Amino acid sequence: MFKRRLKLTKFTKISRTLFCAGSLLLLNSCSSVLELVQPNLATDMSVFKSGEFQLDTAHSSLIFKVKHMGLSYFVGRFNQFDANLAFNADQPEQAKLGAVVDMASLDVVDDDFEQTIKSDDWLNTAQFPKAYFETTTATQINSETLLFDGNLTFLDVTNPVKVEVKFNGAGTNLLTYSYTIGFSANMTFNRSDFGLDKYIPTVGDQILIEVEAEFQRN
């Protein structure tokens, strides 16, 4: 019996050793792969490649936040949207950005509440299925940031808004071989400016929009 236990103990130790060694090899292999697919990024927009760019929807997100009773931010997202970017590295302030959002693609954690928000009491997505944004001018803040002035059309009402865009980097995506620009953007507006003034201040007036986006050059 003692010999059997001894053999089992040795077998267990050997198994653990092999498992640890295999895990280290796997991690090392994964690290090598990750190094291969990490593009060499430029972060100064003056050295970006110019051109027309289309949103990579698989690697982009659009999130909104609104205060709930002043206690916290209620967070949701829109799963379907598209955008295009025209960029000139020699004159970044001439950049153009346009976007369209499918309002029915609203996604929140509670299905019943999601339907309530889509109803005519709130977003009325049946009557107003799209929201649009189009830039008018751009101001360069620094080597990585542009401040866009533009028009937001929401609930069939158009108002001027500002969008701050921080370029995270640009380079050739080694998985798709497409030259790609990535940025983080944010915008705020008051929903009451678009006629959506119900339940203020229980539900906040100010809407915060956060976008993470990757654009591939056409």
C-alpha atoms as a PDB file:
ATOM      1  CA  MET A   1       0.000   0.000   0.000  1.00  0.00           C
ATOM      2  CA  PHE A   2       2.827   2.395   0.912  1.00  0.00           C
ATOM      3  CA  LYS A   3       4.584   1.731  -2.426  1.00  0.00           C
ATOM      4  CA  ARG A   4       1.325   2.398  -4.271  1.00  0.00           C
ATOM      5  CA  ARG A   5       0.898   5.740  -2.515  1.00  0.00           C
ATOM      6  CA  LEU A   6       4.503   6.603  -3.257  1.00  0.00           C
ATOM      7  CA  LYS A   7       3.985   5.861  -6.956  1.00  0.00           C
ATOM      8  CA  LEU A   8       0.796   7.950  -7.016  1.00  0.00           C
ATOM      9  CA  THR A   9       2.575  10.834  -5.298  1.00  0.00           C
ATOM     10  CA  LYS A  10       5.427  10.705  -7.812  1.00  0.00           C
ATOM     11  CA  PHE A  11       2.931  10.508 -10.690  1.00  0.00           C
ATOM     12  CA  THR A  12       1.036  13.524  -9.321  1.00  0.00           C
ATOM     13  CA  LYS A  13       4.224  15.567  -9.002  1.00  0.00           C
ATOM     14  CA  ILE A  14       5.304  14.644 -12.531  1.00  0.00           C
ATOM     15  CA  SER A  15       1.839  15.545 -13.870  1.00  0.00           C
ATOM     16  CA  ARG A  16       1.924  18.922 -12.135  1.00  0.00           C
ATOM     17  CA  THR A  17       5.411  19.596 -13.476  1.00  0.00           C
ATOM     18  CA  LEU A  18       4.356  18.723 -17.014  1.00  0.00           C
ATOM     19  CA  PHE A  19       1.210  20.855 -16.668  1.00  0.00           C
ATOM     20  CA  CYS A  20       3.203  23.855 -15.451  1.00  0.00           C
ATOM     21  CA  ALA A  21       5.768  23.424 -18.213  1.00  0.00           C
ATOM     22  CA  GLY A  22       3.030  23.128 -20.823  1.00  0.00           C
ATOM     23  CA  SER A  23       1.283  26.219 -19.463  1.00  0.00           C
ATOM     24  CA  LEU A  24       4.487  28.241 -19.644  1.00  0.00           C
ATOM     25  CA  LEU A  25       5.077  27.125 -23.230  1.00  0.00           C
ATOM     26  CA  LEU A  26       1.501  28.037 -24.138  1.00  0.00           C
ATOM     27  CA  LEU A  27       1.794  31.472 -22.527  1.00  0.00           C
ATOM     28  CA  ASN A  28       5.089  32.036 -24.298  1.00  0.00           C
ATOM     29  CA  SER A  29       3.511  31.005 -27.602  1.00  0.00           C
ATOM     30  CA  CYS A  30       0.531  33.327 -27.032  1.00  0.00           C
ATOM     31  CA  SER A  31       2.878  36.192 -26.172  1.00  0.00           C
ATOM     32  CA  SER A  32       4.778  35.604 -29.405  1.00  0.00           C
ATOM     33  CA  VAL A  33       1.538  35.659 -31.405  1.00  0.00           C
ATOM     34  CA  LEU A  34       0.384  38.829 -29.655  1.00  0.00           C
ATOM     35  CA  GLU A  35       3.690  40.479 -30.474  1.00  0.00           C
ATOM     36  CA  LEU A  36       3.213  39.529 -34.111  1.00  0.00           C
ATOM     37  CA  VAL A  37      -0.253  41.097 -34.375  1.00  0.00           C
ATOM     38  CA  GLN A  38       0.582  44.282 -32.442  1.00  0.00           C
ATOM     39  CA  PRO A  39       0.959  46.960 -35.125  1.00  0.00           C
ATOM     40  CA  ASN A  40       3.624  49.630 -35.032  1.00  0.00           C
ATOM     41  CA  LEU A  41       1.425  52.611 -34.210  1.00  0.00           C
ATOM     42  CA  ALA A  42       1.933  56.310 -34.801  1.00  0.00           C
ATOM     43  CA  THR A  43       0.197  58.571 -32.271  1.00  0.00           C
ATOM     44  CA  ASP A  44       0.991  61.967 -33.780  1.00  0.00           C
ATOM     45  CA  MET A  45      -1.726  62.681 -36.345  1.00  0.00           C
ATOM     46  CA  SER A  46       0.696  64.687 -38.498  1.00  0.00           C
ATOM     47  CA  VAL A  47       2.318  61.412 -39.598  1.00  0.00           C
ATOM     48  CA  PHE A  48      -0.918  59.481 -40.162  1.00  0.00           C
ATOM     49  CA  LYS A  49      -1.741  58.418 -43.693  1.00  0.00           C
ATOM     50  CA  SER A  50      -4.375  60.566 -45.368  1.00  0.00           C
ATOM     51  CA  GLY A  51      -7.472  59.219 -47.061  1.00  0.00           C
ATOM     52  CA  GLU A  52     -11.081  58.148 -46.766  1.00  0.00           C
ATOM     53  CA  PHE A  53     -11.832  55.750 -43.921  1.00  0.00           C
ATOM     54  CA  GLN A  54     -14.801  53.503 -43.104  1.00  0.00           C
ATOM     55  CA  LEU A  55     -15.810  52.357 -39.631  1.00  0.00           C
ATOM     56  CA  ASP A  56     -14.795  48.845 -38.602  1.00  0.00           C
ATOM     57  CA  THR A  57     -18.079  48.031 -36.864  1.00  0.00           C
ATOM     58  CA  ALA A  58     -16.714  44.822 -35.331  1.00  0.00           C
ATOM     59  CA  HIS A  59     -14.225  46.818 -33.272  1.00  0.00           C
ATOM     60  CA  SER A  60     -16.276  49.865 -32.337  1.00  0.00           C
ATOM     61  CA  SER A  61     -18.793  50.741 -29.636  1.00  0.00           C
ATOM     62  CA  LEU A  62     -21.248  53.530 -28.836  1.00  0.00           C
ATOM     63  CA  ILE A  63     -22.294  53.970 -25.206  1.00  0.00           C
ATOM     64  CA  PHE A  64     -24.655  56.509 -23.630  1.00  0.00           C
ATOM     65  CA  LYS A  65     -24.956  57.556 -19.996  1.00  0.00           C
ATOM     66  CA  VAL A  66     -27.688  59.497 -18.207  1.00  0.00           C
ATOM     67  CA  LYS A  67     -28.066  60.259 -14.511  1.00  0.00           C
ATOM     68  CA  HIS A  68     -30.734  58.366 -12.583  1.00  0.00           C
ATOM     69  CA  MET A  69     -32.156  60.360  -9.648  1.00  0.00           C
ATOM     70  CA  GLY A  70     -28.717  61.914  -9.211  1.00  0.00           C
ATOM     71  CA  LEU A  71     -27.516  58.638  -7.689  1.00  0.00           C
ATOM     72  CA  SER A  72     -25.718  56.943 -10.551  1.00  0.00           C
ATOM     73  CA  TYR A  73     -25.387  56.856 -14.311  1.00  0.00           C
ATOM     74  CA  PHE A  74     -27.689  54.554 -16.236  1.00  0.00           C
ATOM     75  CA  VAL A  75     -25.644  53.054 -19.071  1.00  0.00           C
ATOM     76  CA  GLY A  76     -26.788  51.635 -22.394  1.00  0.00           C
ATOM     77  CA  ARG A  77     -25.437  51.128 -25.868  1.00  0.00           C
ATOM     78  CA  PHE A  78     -26.397  51.093 -29.529  1.00  0.00           C
ATOM     79  CA  ASN A  79     -25.204  47.991 -31.336  1.00  0.00           C
ATOM     80  CA  GLN A  80     -25.675  49.151 -34.921  1.00  0.00           C
ATOM     81  CA  PHE A  81     -24.112  52.333 -36.250  1.00  0.00           C
ATOM     82  CA  ASP A  82     -21.861  53.364 -39.092  1.00  0.00           C
ATOM     83  CA  ALA A  83     -19.439  56.206 -39.724  1.00  0.00           C
ATOM     84  CA  ASN A  84     -16.903  57.563 -42.171  1.00  0.00           C
ATOM     85  CA  LEU A  85     -13.830  59.701 -41.695  1.00  0.00           C
ATOM     86  CA  ALA A  86     -11.983  61.889 -44.188  1.00  0.00           C
ATOM     87  CA  PHE A  87      -8.518  62.708 -42.904  1.00  0.00           C
ATOM     88  CA  ASN A  88      -5.674  64.842 -44.267  1.00  0.00           C
ATOM     89  CA  ALA A  89      -2.487  64.552 -42.225  1.00  0.00           C
ATOM     90  CA  ASP A  90      -1.123  67.801 -43.705  1.00  0.00           C
ATOM     91  CA  GLN A  91      -4.219  69.686 -42.535  1.00  0.00           C
ATOM     92  CA  PRO A  92      -5.912  67.722 -39.711  1.00  0.00           C
ATOM     93  CA  GLU A  93      -8.300  70.606 -39.046  1.00  0.00           C
ATOM     94  CA  GLN A  94      -9.935  69.817 -42.390  1.00  0.00           C
ATOM     95  CA  ALA A  95     -10.987  66.359 -41.181  1.00  0.00           C
ATOM     96  CA  LYS A  96     -14.618  65.370 -41.738  1.00  0.00           C
ATOM     97  CA  LEU A  97     -16.617  62.881 -39.694  1.00  0.00           C
ATOM     98  CA  GLY A  98     -20.118  61.568 -40.311  1.00  0.00           C
ATOM     99  CA  ALA A  99     -22.173  58.944 -38.481  1.00  0.00           C
ATOM    100  CA  VAL A 100     -25.612  57.327 -38.465  1.00  0.00           C
ATOM    101  CA  VAL A 101     -27.103  55.349 -35.571  1.00  0.00           C
ATOM    102  CA  ASP A 102     -29.843  52.725 -35.764  1.00  0.00           C
ATOM    103  CA  MET A 103     -31.937  53.760 -32.761  1.00  0.00           C
ATOM    104  CA  ALA A 104     -33.769  50.416 -32.627  1.00  0.00           C
ATOM    105  CA  SER A 105     -30.440  48.729 -31.874  1.00  0.00           C
ATOM    106  CA  LEU A 106     -30.636  50.121 -28.332  1.00  0.00           C
ATOM    107  CA  ASP A 107     -29.325  47.592 -25.817  1.00  0.00           C
ATOM    108  CA  VAL A 108     -29.807  47.781 -22.033  1.00  0.00           C
ATOM    109  CA  VAL A 109     -29.677  45.098 -19.347  1.00  0.00           C
ATOM    110  CA  ASP A 110     -33.453  44.815 -18.843  1.00  0.00           C
ATOM    111  CA  ASP A 111     -35.526  43.706 -21.855  1.00  0.00           C
ATOM    112  CA  ASP A 112     -38.784  45.229 -20.595  1.00  0.00           C
ATOM    113  CA  PHE A 113     -37.156  48.569 -19.853  1.00  0.00           C
ATOM    114  CA  GLU A 114     -35.476  48.442 -23.257  1.00  0.00           C
ATOM    115  CA  GLN A 115     -38.888  48.274 -24.921  1.00  0.00           C
ATOM    116  CA  THR A 116     -40.065  51.180 -22.751  1.00  0.00           C
ATOM    117  CA  ILE A 117     -37.171  53.355 -23.908  1.00  0.00           C
ATOM    118  CA  LYS A 118     -37.881  52.466 -27.540  1.00  0.00           C
ATOM    119  CA  SER A 119     -41.567  53.373 -27.158  1.00  0.00           C
ATOM    120  CA  ASP A 120     -43.135  56.696 -28.166  1.00  0.00           C
ATOM    121  CA  ASP A 121     -42.837  57.788 -24.527  1.00  0.00           C
ATOM    122  CA  TRP A 122     -39.079  58.090 -25.012  1.00  0.00           C
ATOM    123  CA  LEU A 123     -37.078  57.520 -28.218  1.00  0.00           C
ATOM    124  CA  ASN A 124     -40.012  56.530 -30.435  1.00  0.00           C
ATOM    125  CA  THR A 125     -37.752  54.403 -32.621  1.00  0.00           C
ATOM    126  CA  ALA A 126     -40.664  53.428 -34.884  1.00  0.00           C
ATOM    127  CA  GLN A 127     -41.152  57.046 -35.991  1.00  0.00           C
ATOM    128  CA  PHE A 128     -37.522  58.161 -35.659  1.00  0.00           C
ATOM    129  CA  PRO A 129     -35.405  55.123 -36.582  1.00  0.00           C
ATOM    130  CA  LYS A 130     -32.136  56.988 -37.185  1.00  0.00           C
ATOM    131  CA  ALA A 131     -29.962  59.620 -35.555  1.00  0.00           C
ATOM    132  CA  TYR A 132     -27.326  61.477 -37.568  1.00  0.00           C
ATOM    133  CA  PHE A 133     -24.140  63.407 -36.868  1.00  0.00           C
ATOM    134  CA  GLU A 134     -22.154  65.456 -39.368  1.00  0.00           C
ATOM    135  CA  THR A 135     -19.169  67.685 -38.643  1.00  0.00           C
ATOM    136  CA  THR A 136     -18.892  71.261 -39.862  1.00  0.00           C
ATOM    137  CA  THR A 137     -15.442  72.332 -38.603  1.00  0.00           C
ATOM    138  CA  ALA A 138     -12.527  70.898 -36.651  1.00  0.00           C
ATOM    139  CA  THR A 139      -9.985  72.493 -34.319  1.00  0.00           C
ATOM    140  CA  GLN A 140      -6.682  70.820 -33.513  1.00  0.00           C
ATOM    141  CA  ILE A 141      -6.099  70.801 -29.736  1.00  0.00           C
ATOM    142  CA  ASN A 142      -2.766  68.964 -29.763  1.00  0.00           C
ATOM    143  CA  SER A 143      -0.931  66.302 -31.777  1.00  0.00           C
ATOM    144  CA  GLU A 144      -3.475  63.647 -30.751  1.00  0.00           C
ATOM    145  CA  THR A 145      -6.774  65.507 -30.335  1.00  0.00           C
ATOM    146  CA  LEU A 146      -9.334  67.219 -32.564  1.00  0.00           C
ATOM    147  CA  LEU A 147     -12.414  69.097 -31.382  1.00  0.00           C
ATOM    148  CA  PHE A 148     -15.206  68.804 -33.940  1.00  0.00           C
ATOM    149  CA  ASP A 149     -18.152  71.151 -34.246  1.00  0.00           C
ATOM    150  CA  GLY A 150     -21.098  69.534 -35.946  1.00  0.00           C
ATOM    151  CA  ASN A 151     -24.823  68.958 -36.137  1.00  0.00           C
ATOM    152  CA  LEU A 152     -26.708  66.194 -34.348  1.00  0.00           C
ATOM    153  CA  THR A 153     -30.115  65.200 -35.703  1.00  0.00           C
ATOM    154  CA  PHE A 154     -32.091  63.323 -33.054  1.00  0.00           C
ATOM    155  CA  LEU A 155     -35.881  62.864 -32.897  1.00  0.00           C
ATOM    156  CA  ASP A 156     -36.030  64.863 -36.149  1.00  0.00           C
ATOM    157  CA  VAL A 157     -34.522  67.907 -34.415  1.00  0.00           C
ATOM    158  CA  THR A 158     -31.092  69.234 -35.394  1.00  0.00           C
ATOM    159  CA  ASN A 159     -28.812  71.082 -32.977  1.00  0.00           C
ATOM    160  CA  PRO A 160     -25.118  72.008 -32.909  1.00  0.00           C
ATOM    161  CA  VAL A 161     -22.855  69.860 -30.717  1.00  0.00           C
ATOM    162  CA  LYS A 162     -19.151  69.413 -30.028  1.00  0.00           C
ATOM    163  CA  VAL A 163     -17.272  66.110 -30.199  1.00  0.00           C
ATOM    164  CA  GLU A 164     -13.784  65.661 -28.779  1.00  0.00           C
ATOM    165  CA  VAL A 165     -11.775  62.978 -30.575  1.00  0.00           C
ATOM    166  CA  LYS A 166      -8.523  61.613 -29.169  1.00  0.00           C
ATOM    167  CA  PHE A 167      -6.593  59.566 -31.706  1.00  0.00           C
ATOM    168  CA  ASN A 168      -5.111  56.527 -29.981  1.00  0.00           C
ATOM    169  CA  GLY A 169      -2.940  55.592 -32.927  1.00  0.00           C
ATOM    170  CA  ALA A 170      -2.732  54.590 -36.569  1.00  0.00           C
ATOM    171  CA  GLY A 171      -0.956  51.815 -38.408  1.00  0.00           C
ATOM    172  CA  THR A 172      -1.364  48.712 -40.523  1.00  0.00           C
ATOM    173  CA  ASN A 173      -3.555  46.108 -38.843  1.00  0.00           C
ATOM    174  CA  LEU A 174      -1.500  42.933 -39.204  1.00  0.00           C
ATOM    175  CA  LEU A 175      -4.615  40.754 -39.163  1.00  0.00           C
ATOM    176  CA  THR A 176      -6.509  42.566 -41.929  1.00  0.00           C
ATOM    177  CA  TYR A 177      -3.562  44.340 -43.627  1.00  0.00           C
ATOM    178  CA  SER A 178      -5.699  47.487 -43.660  1.00  0.00           C
ATOM    179  CA  TYR A 179      -4.305  50.836 -42.603  1.00  0.00           C
ATOM    180  CA  THR A 180      -6.378  51.665 -39.530  1.00  0.00           C
ATOM    181  CA  ILE A 181      -6.966  54.742 -37.374  1.00  0.00           C
ATOM    182  CA  GLY A 182      -8.347  54.291 -33.871  1.00  0.00           C
ATOM    183  CA  PHE A 183      -9.856  56.921 -31.595  1.00  0.00           C
ATOM    184  CA  SER A 184     -11.854  57.555 -28.441  1.00  0.00           C
ATOM    185  CA  ALA A 185     -14.548  60.238 -28.660  1.00  0.00           C
ATOM    186  CA  ASN A 186     -17.004  61.869 -26.298  1.00  0.00           C
ATOM    187  CA  MET A 187     -19.946  64.219 -26.645  1.00  0.00           C
ATOM    188  CA  THR A 188     -22.546  65.711 -24.295  1.00  0.00           C
ATOM    189  CA  PHE A 189     -25.904  67.292 -25.063  1.00  0.00           C
ATOM    190  CA  ASN A 190     -29.158  68.088 -23.305  1.00  0.00           C
ATOM    191  CA  ARG A 191     -32.038  65.873 -24.388  1.00  0.00           C
ATOM    192  CA  SER A 192     -34.485  68.687 -23.672  1.00  0.00           C
ATOM    193  CA  ASP A 193     -32.935  70.596 -26.608  1.00  0.00           C
ATOM    194  CA  PHE A 194     -34.387  67.870 -28.829  1.00  0.00           C
ATOM    195  CA  GLY A 195     -37.852  67.944 -27.274  1.00  0.00           C
ATOM    196  CA  LEU A 196     -37.250  64.989 -24.948  1.00  0.00           C
ATOM    197  CA  ASP A 197     -37.901  66.660 -21.604  1.00  0.00           C
ATOM    198  CA  LYS A 198     -39.955  64.079 -19.707  1.00  0.00           C
ATOM    199  CA  TYR A 199     -39.111  63.138 -16.119  1.00  0.00           C
ATOM    200  CA  ILE A 200     -36.399  65.752 -15.636  1.00  0.00           C
ATOM    201  CA  PRO A 201     -34.690  65.833 -13.112  1.00  0.00           C
ATOM    202  CA  THR A 202     -35.529  62.274 -11.988  1.00  0.00           C
ATOM    203  CA  VAL A 203     -33.860  61.217 -15.213  1.00  0.00           C
ATOM    204  CA  GLY A 204     -31.063  63.632 -16.033  1.00  0.00           C
ATOM    205  CA  ASP A 205     -31.225  66.121 -18.879  1.00  0.00           C
ATOM    206  CA  GLN A 206     -27.596  65.776 -19.931  1.00  0.00           C
ATOM    207  CA  ILE A 207     -26.677  62.787 -22.102  1.00  0.00           C
ATOM    208  CA  LEU A 208     -23.079  61.605 -22.278  1.00  0.00           C
ATOM    209  CA  ILE A 209     -21.932  59.743 -25.390  1.00  0.00           C
ATOM    210  CA  GLU A 210     -18.709  57.707 -25.468  1.00  0.00           C
ATOM    211  CA  VAL A 211     -17.387  56.127 -28.658  1.00  0.00           C
ATOM    212  CA  GLU A 212     -14.505  53.741 -29.254  1.00  0.00           C
ATOM    213  CA  ALA A 213     -13.838  53.367 -32.959  1.00  0.00           C
ATOM    214  CA  GLU A 214     -11.478  51.906 -35.526  1.00  0.00           C
ATOM    215  CA  PHE A 215     -11.539  53.137 -39.121  1.00  0.00           C
ATOM    216  CA  GLN A 216     -10.030  51.279 -42.066  1.00  0.00           C
ATOM    217  CA  ARG A 217      -8.745  53.176 -45.088  1.00  0.00           C
ATOM    218  CA  ASN A 218     -10.768  52.559 -48.248  1.00  0.00           C
END
